[in-house]
Amino acid sequence: QKITIEPKGNQMKFKQTEFTVAPAQTIKLVFDNTATSPSMQHNVVVINSTEKSVFRRVGEGGMQAGSAKDYVPEDDAILAYTPMSKPGETVSVTFTVPETTGEYGYLCTFPGHWATMQGTMYVVRE
């Protein structure tokens, strides 16, 4: 299954703030950076939680990780992530969804974006 996410114009927001997948399914998560402003570099980092404290930790950790690590910190909460994309670029990651049903968050870890660029991946048995 292929899931495509885009930014909401040149805002620090995802256009798609949720998607639903089946447990243990392999998905291709595509981020199509349709933004036009040069400052709107984005990625999609999927985490194993929807708690605000985990969003904050991973989001702020992105700044410390820096550009050499694509602003992705080393954190046990991270399940998968796309590379950083510049406006006009499309990036993707293929990963296996957790077997445990529930809600998993995703965010952009470019510095300053995590607070408003968040979404939820719902893992649901059909």
Protein backbone atom coordinates (compact mmCIF):
# COMPACT_ATOMS: atom_id res chain seq x y z
CA GLN A 1 0.00 0.00 0.00
CA LYS A 2 1.19 3.51 -0.84
CA ILE A 3 0.37 6.49 1.38
CA THR A 4 1.09 9.99 0.04
CA ILE A 5 1.40 13.03 2.29
CA GLU A 6 1.88 16.64 1.20
CA PRO A 7 2.38 19.94 3.00
CA LYS A 8 -0.50 22.41 3.19
CA GLY A 9 0.88 25.00 0.74
CA ASN A 10 3.75 26.95 2.32
CA GLN A 11 2.43 26.44 5.83
CA MET A 12 4.16 24.32 8.45
CA LYS A 13 1.28 21.84 8.32
CA PHE A 14 0.55 18.49 6.71
CA LYS A 15 -2.37 18.45 4.25
CA GLN A 16 -3.09 14.84 5.30
CA THR A 17 -3.23 14.71 9.11
CA GLU A 18 -4.24 11.06 9.34
CA PHE A 19 -4.19 7.76 7.50
CA THR A 20 -5.23 4.20 8.32
CA VAL A 21 -3.27 1.01 7.70
CA ALA A 22 -3.46 -2.65 8.70
CA PRO A 23 -1.16 -4.22 11.33
CA ALA A 24 2.10 -5.78 10.07
CA GLN A 25 1.45 -4.45 6.56
CA THR A 26 4.37 -3.14 4.51
CA ILE A 27 3.64 0.36 3.28
CA LYS A 28 5.44 2.92 1.15
CA LEU A 29 5.10 6.33 2.76
CA VAL A 30 5.64 9.06 0.16
CA PHE A 31 6.13 12.73 0.97
CA ASP A 32 5.49 14.98 -2.03
CA ASN A 33 6.85 18.40 -1.07
CA THR A 34 4.54 20.64 -3.08
CA ALA A 35 5.66 23.78 -1.19
CA THR A 36 7.28 26.58 -3.19
CA SER A 37 9.02 28.60 -0.45
CA PRO A 38 12.73 27.64 -0.09
CA SER A 39 12.40 27.51 3.70
CA MET A 40 9.76 24.78 3.54
CA GLN A 41 12.00 21.73 3.81
CA HIS A 42 10.12 18.78 5.30
CA ASN A 43 10.27 15.11 6.20
CA VAL A 44 7.87 12.63 7.76
CA VAL A 45 8.98 10.82 10.92
CA VAL A 46 6.65 8.08 12.23
CA ILE A 47 6.78 7.52 16.00
CA ASN A 48 5.34 4.87 18.32
CA SER A 49 3.27 7.31 20.37
CA THR A 50 0.78 10.18 20.17
CA GLU A 51 1.86 11.73 23.49
CA LYS A 52 2.76 15.42 23.29
CA SER A 53 5.94 14.81 25.30
CA VAL A 54 7.20 12.30 22.70
CA PHE A 55 6.37 14.65 19.80
CA ARG A 56 8.32 17.37 21.64
CA ARG A 57 11.30 15.13 22.43
CA VAL A 58 11.65 13.86 18.85
CA GLY A 59 10.90 17.28 17.34
CA GLU A 60 13.41 19.13 19.50
CA GLY A 61 15.89 16.28 19.09
CA GLY A 62 15.78 16.95 15.35
CA MET A 63 17.36 20.35 15.86
CA GLN A 64 20.19 18.83 17.92
CA ALA A 65 20.73 16.08 15.33
CA GLY A 66 21.35 18.80 12.74
CA SER A 67 21.42 18.81 8.96
CA ALA A 68 24.13 16.12 8.73
CA LYS A 69 21.60 13.64 10.15
CA ASP A 70 18.65 15.07 8.17
CA TYR A 71 17.35 16.49 11.48
CA VAL A 72 16.38 12.98 12.62
CA PRO A 73 17.50 12.22 16.19
CA GLU A 74 18.41 8.80 17.49
CA ASP A 75 15.31 7.97 19.50
CA ASP A 76 13.66 4.66 20.40
CA ALA A 77 10.25 6.16 19.57
CA ILE A 78 11.07 6.47 15.84
CA LEU A 79 9.62 3.71 13.66
CA ALA A 80 10.47 5.08 10.19
CA TYR A 81 11.31 8.33 8.45
CA THR A 82 11.67 9.83 5.00
CA PRO A 83 14.74 11.82 3.97
CA MET A 84 14.47 15.63 4.22
CA SER A 85 12.93 17.11 1.07
CA LYS A 86 13.34 20.51 -0.50
CA PRO A 87 10.34 22.17 -2.20
CA GLY A 88 9.49 20.25 -5.38
CA GLU A 89 11.15 17.01 -4.21
CA THR A 90 9.43 13.70 -3.52
CA VAL A 91 10.92 11.34 -0.94
CA SER A 92 9.74 8.02 0.48
CA VAL A 93 10.37 5.25 2.97
CA THR A 94 9.09 1.67 2.94
CA PHE A 95 8.49 0.04 6.31
CA THR A 96 6.41 -2.56 8.10
CA VAL A 97 3.60 -1.21 10.25
CA PRO A 98 3.65 -2.39 13.90
CA GLU A 99 1.56 -5.46 14.71
CA THR A 100 -0.07 -3.66 17.64
CA THR A 101 -3.26 -1.78 16.73
CA GLY A 102 -3.63 1.77 17.93
CA GLU A 103 -2.56 5.32 17.19
CA TYR A 104 0.95 6.28 16.12
CA GLY A 105 2.07 9.84 15.49
CA TYR A 106 4.05 11.42 12.68
CA LEU A 107 5.77 14.77 12.45
CA CYS A 108 8.27 16.87 10.53
CA THR A 109 11.58 17.24 12.38
CA PHE A 110 12.93 20.23 10.42
CA PRO A 111 13.78 22.81 13.14
CA GLY A 112 10.65 24.55 14.40
CA HIS A 113 8.18 22.53 12.32
CA TRP A 114 7.26 19.73 14.74
CA ALA A 115 4.82 21.80 16.84
CA THR A 116 2.38 22.30 13.95
CA MET A 117 3.35 19.53 11.47
CA GLN A 118 1.80 16.50 13.14
CA GLY A 119 -0.52 13.69 12.17
CA THR A 120 -1.79 10.28 13.26
CA MET A 121 -1.34 6.86 11.67
CA TYR A 122 -4.20 4.59 12.75
CA VAL A 123 -3.35 0.88 12.81
CA VAL A 124 -6.66 -1.00 12.54
CA ARG A 125 -7.61 -4.60 11.83
CA GLU A 126 -10.02 -4.81 8.93
